[in-house]
Amino acid sequence: MSVAKVGKRGVVVLPAELRKRMKINEGDELLIDISESGVIYMVQRPDDFVAALKNAGRGLWAEQDPVAYVREERETW
């Protein structure tokens, strides 16, 4: 586990080891969020969100027919 330090103006300095592993360079933008339980998530901001999400749902319907699923759901309305 790495330790990051917060400076006077709120600047967070990430350890070099972490920057190397995540391929973070000076000037890169990071997306930061916090969960309700207080966990902080930090990921690199993609240059192209569409390309970054491409195939994100691949395999989602591998074990179930999506058309049959929607029909079953509609019957419950």
Protein backbone atom coordinates (compact mmCIF):
# COMPACT_ATOMS: atom_id res chain seq x y z
CA MET A 1 0.00 0.00 0.00
CA SER A 2 1.27 3.45 -0.89
CA VAL A 3 0.92 6.65 1.09
CA ALA A 4 0.05 9.98 -0.54
CA LYS A 5 0.65 13.33 1.12
CA VAL A 6 -1.67 16.34 1.04
CA GLY A 7 0.06 19.71 0.78
CA LYS A 8 -1.00 23.12 2.11
CA ARG A 9 -3.19 23.96 -0.88
CA GLY A 10 -4.83 20.52 -1.04
CA VAL A 11 -2.38 19.18 -3.60
CA VAL A 12 -2.11 15.39 -3.35
CA VAL A 13 1.30 13.97 -4.23
CA LEU A 14 1.11 10.40 -5.51
CA PRO A 15 4.13 8.18 -4.86
CA ALA A 16 6.35 7.52 -7.90
CA GLU A 17 5.76 3.76 -7.68
CA LEU A 18 2.01 4.27 -7.97
CA ARG A 19 2.38 6.73 -10.87
CA LYS A 20 4.57 4.26 -12.74
CA ARG A 21 2.19 1.34 -12.18
CA MET A 22 -0.80 3.38 -13.34
CA LYS A 23 1.16 5.14 -16.11
CA ILE A 24 0.21 8.56 -14.74
CA ASN A 25 2.27 11.44 -16.09
CA GLU A 26 2.52 15.10 -15.19
CA GLY A 27 -0.52 16.96 -16.51
CA ASP A 28 -2.74 13.85 -16.72
CA GLU A 29 -6.27 14.36 -15.45
CA LEU A 30 -7.79 11.98 -12.89
CA LEU A 31 -11.44 11.32 -12.11
CA ILE A 32 -11.99 11.15 -8.36
CA ASP A 33 -15.11 10.05 -6.50
CA ILE A 34 -15.98 8.95 -3.00
CA SER A 35 -18.42 6.21 -2.05
CA GLU A 36 -21.02 6.50 0.69
CA SER A 37 -18.76 4.36 2.88
CA GLY A 38 -15.86 6.79 2.39
CA VAL A 39 -13.78 4.85 -0.13
CA ILE A 40 -12.02 7.16 -2.59
CA TYR A 41 -11.86 6.02 -6.21
CA MET A 42 -9.34 7.57 -8.57
CA VAL A 43 -8.92 6.65 -12.24
CA GLN A 44 -7.27 8.29 -15.20
CA ARG A 45 -9.60 10.43 -17.29
CA PRO A 46 -9.84 8.79 -20.70
CA ASP A 47 -9.17 10.88 -23.79
CA ASP A 48 -12.23 9.34 -25.41
CA PHE A 49 -15.03 8.11 -23.13
CA VAL A 50 -16.75 6.21 -25.95
CA ALA A 51 -13.58 4.27 -26.79
CA ALA A 52 -12.92 3.63 -23.08
CA LEU A 53 -16.39 2.12 -22.64
CA LYS A 54 -16.31 0.10 -25.85
CA ASN A 55 -16.94 -3.56 -25.05
CA ALA A 56 -17.64 -2.72 -21.39
CA GLY A 57 -20.74 -4.91 -21.51
CA ARG A 58 -19.17 -7.66 -23.57
CA GLY A 59 -20.39 -11.00 -22.33
CA LEU A 60 -23.20 -9.43 -20.31
CA TRP A 61 -25.82 -11.48 -22.16
CA ALA A 62 -23.62 -14.53 -22.78
CA GLU A 63 -25.75 -16.83 -20.66
CA GLN A 64 -29.20 -15.41 -21.39
CA ASP A 65 -31.16 -14.40 -24.47
CA PRO A 66 -31.77 -10.64 -24.14
CA VAL A 67 -35.00 -10.71 -26.16
CA ALA A 68 -36.46 -13.46 -23.97
CA TYR A 69 -35.39 -11.56 -20.86
CA VAL A 70 -37.15 -8.36 -21.99
CA ARG A 71 -40.30 -10.30 -22.86
CA GLU A 72 -40.34 -11.92 -19.42
CA GLU A 73 -39.84 -8.54 -17.73
CA ARG A 74 -42.67 -6.98 -19.73
CA GLU A 75 -45.02 -9.74 -18.63
CA THR A 76 -44.46 -8.72 -15.00
CA TRP A 77 -45.68 -5.17 -15.64
